[in-house]
Protein backbone atom coordinates (compact mmCIF):
# COMPACT_ATOMS: atom_id res chain seq x y z
CA MET A 1 32.54 -15.42 -70.07
CA THR A 2 31.12 -12.89 -71.90
CA ARG A 3 28.28 -13.40 -74.54
CA ASN A 4 27.69 -17.22 -73.85
CA LYS A 5 24.64 -18.92 -72.80
CA LEU A 6 25.26 -19.17 -69.17
CA GLY A 7 22.20 -18.73 -66.96
CA ASP A 8 21.20 -18.90 -63.28
CA THR A 9 22.61 -22.58 -62.89
CA PHE A 10 26.05 -20.97 -63.69
CA ALA A 11 25.22 -18.14 -61.46
CA LYS A 12 24.85 -20.64 -58.54
CA SER A 13 28.22 -22.28 -58.96
CA LEU A 14 29.71 -18.83 -59.53
CA GLN A 15 28.24 -17.55 -56.14
CA SER A 16 29.84 -20.79 -54.50
CA ALA A 17 33.19 -20.32 -55.88
CA LEU A 18 33.43 -16.19 -54.94
CA CYS A 19 32.51 -16.70 -51.48
CA TYR A 20 35.64 -18.11 -50.32
CA ASP A 21 37.96 -16.54 -52.98
CA LYS A 22 40.34 -13.68 -52.39
CA TYR A 23 42.28 -13.48 -55.66
CA ILE A 24 39.75 -12.71 -58.36
CA LYS A 25 39.60 -9.05 -58.82
CA SER A 26 37.57 -8.46 -62.01
CA ILE A 27 34.92 -10.75 -63.59
CA ASN A 28 32.76 -10.11 -66.94
CA VAL A 29 29.60 -12.04 -67.38
CA SER A 30 27.98 -9.82 -69.59
CA GLY A 31 25.74 -10.80 -72.47
CA ASN A 32 24.44 -14.03 -70.98
CA ARG A 33 21.37 -15.48 -69.76
CA ILE A 34 21.46 -14.85 -65.89
CA GLY A 35 17.94 -13.93 -64.76
CA PRO A 36 17.32 -12.08 -61.65
CA ILE A 37 17.18 -14.99 -59.31
CA GLY A 38 20.85 -15.77 -60.23
CA LEU A 39 22.19 -12.18 -60.08
CA LYS A 40 20.42 -11.60 -56.48
CA SER A 41 21.93 -15.14 -55.53
CA ILE A 42 25.76 -13.36 -56.65
CA ILE A 43 25.08 -10.39 -54.98
CA LYS A 44 23.65 -11.50 -51.78
CA LEU A 45 25.69 -14.96 -51.25
CA ALA A 46 29.06 -14.12 -52.91
CA LEU A 47 29.75 -10.12 -53.38
CA MET A 48 28.53 -8.67 -49.80
CA GLU A 49 31.15 -11.44 -48.56
CA ASN A 50 34.17 -11.30 -50.70
CA ASN A 51 36.39 -8.05 -50.37
CA ALA A 52 38.64 -8.63 -53.41
CA ILE A 53 36.28 -8.32 -56.39
CA VAL A 54 36.48 -4.75 -57.79
CA ALA A 55 34.87 -5.02 -61.05
CA PHE A 56 31.78 -6.98 -61.96
CA ASP A 57 30.27 -6.70 -65.11
CA ALA A 58 26.56 -8.01 -65.41
CA ARG A 59 25.17 -6.07 -68.07
CA LEU A 60 23.07 -7.18 -70.99
CA ASN A 61 21.82 -10.08 -68.89
CA PRO A 62 17.92 -10.48 -68.67
CA GLY A 63 18.13 -10.23 -64.71
CA CYS A 64 20.28 -7.09 -64.90
CA SER A 65 18.00 -4.08 -63.87
CA GLU A 66 18.98 -0.73 -62.78
CA LYS A 67 18.54 -2.11 -59.19
CA VAL A 68 20.78 -4.97 -59.69
CA GLU A 69 23.24 -2.55 -61.31
CA ARG A 70 23.08 -0.34 -58.25
CA GLN A 71 23.57 -3.17 -56.17
CA LEU A 72 26.51 -4.31 -57.97
CA ALA A 73 27.99 -0.91 -57.94
CA LEU A 74 27.84 -0.19 -54.24
CA CYS A 75 29.35 -3.80 -53.63
CA MET A 76 32.41 -2.75 -55.85
CA LEU A 77 32.77 0.74 -54.07
CA LYS A 78 32.90 -1.13 -50.92
CA ASN A 79 35.36 -3.24 -52.14
CA ILE A 80 37.41 -0.55 -53.86
CA GLU A 81 37.53 1.45 -50.39
CA LYS A 82 38.69 -1.77 -48.51
CA VAL A 83 41.21 -2.41 -50.95
CA ARG A 84 42.67 0.92 -50.13
CA GLN A 85 42.37 0.85 -46.45
CA LYS A 86 44.87 -1.73 -46.65
CA GLY A 87 47.27 0.25 -48.29
CA LEU A 88 46.97 -1.50 -51.78
CA THR A 89 46.40 -0.06 -55.18
CA VAL A 90 43.55 -1.07 -57.61
CA ASN A 91 44.63 -1.73 -61.13
CA PRO A 92 43.46 0.86 -63.06
CA GLU A 93 42.40 -1.45 -65.85
CA PHE A 94 39.77 -2.84 -63.59
CA LEU A 95 37.97 0.59 -62.73
CA LYS A 96 35.41 0.66 -65.49
CA PRO A 97 33.28 3.91 -65.01
CA GLU A 98 30.16 2.42 -66.39
CA LEU A 99 30.05 0.07 -63.82
CA TYR A 100 30.04 2.72 -61.18
CA SER A 101 27.73 5.40 -62.10
CA PHE A 102 24.27 5.22 -61.40
């Protein structure tokens, strides 16, 4: 889903799907047209509740500020910790240091 023209309407649909999904581990929506409203709704209504996603790349979107990147990183780090507490391993392929450093 990278480098398309996906915007806030797509973000609302994605947020709805992520609230209930327990299988998706990594999402890359970088380089789209998701604004601050779309990214905030994904963070507040989906990623705060979804404990399965360990990588969410939203860089190069108009709404992806330093604050949003920090919030995304904190959600992903929380999820990684919860996965490890369950005794499961996180696929190293999903761990991208640039998504977790701020």
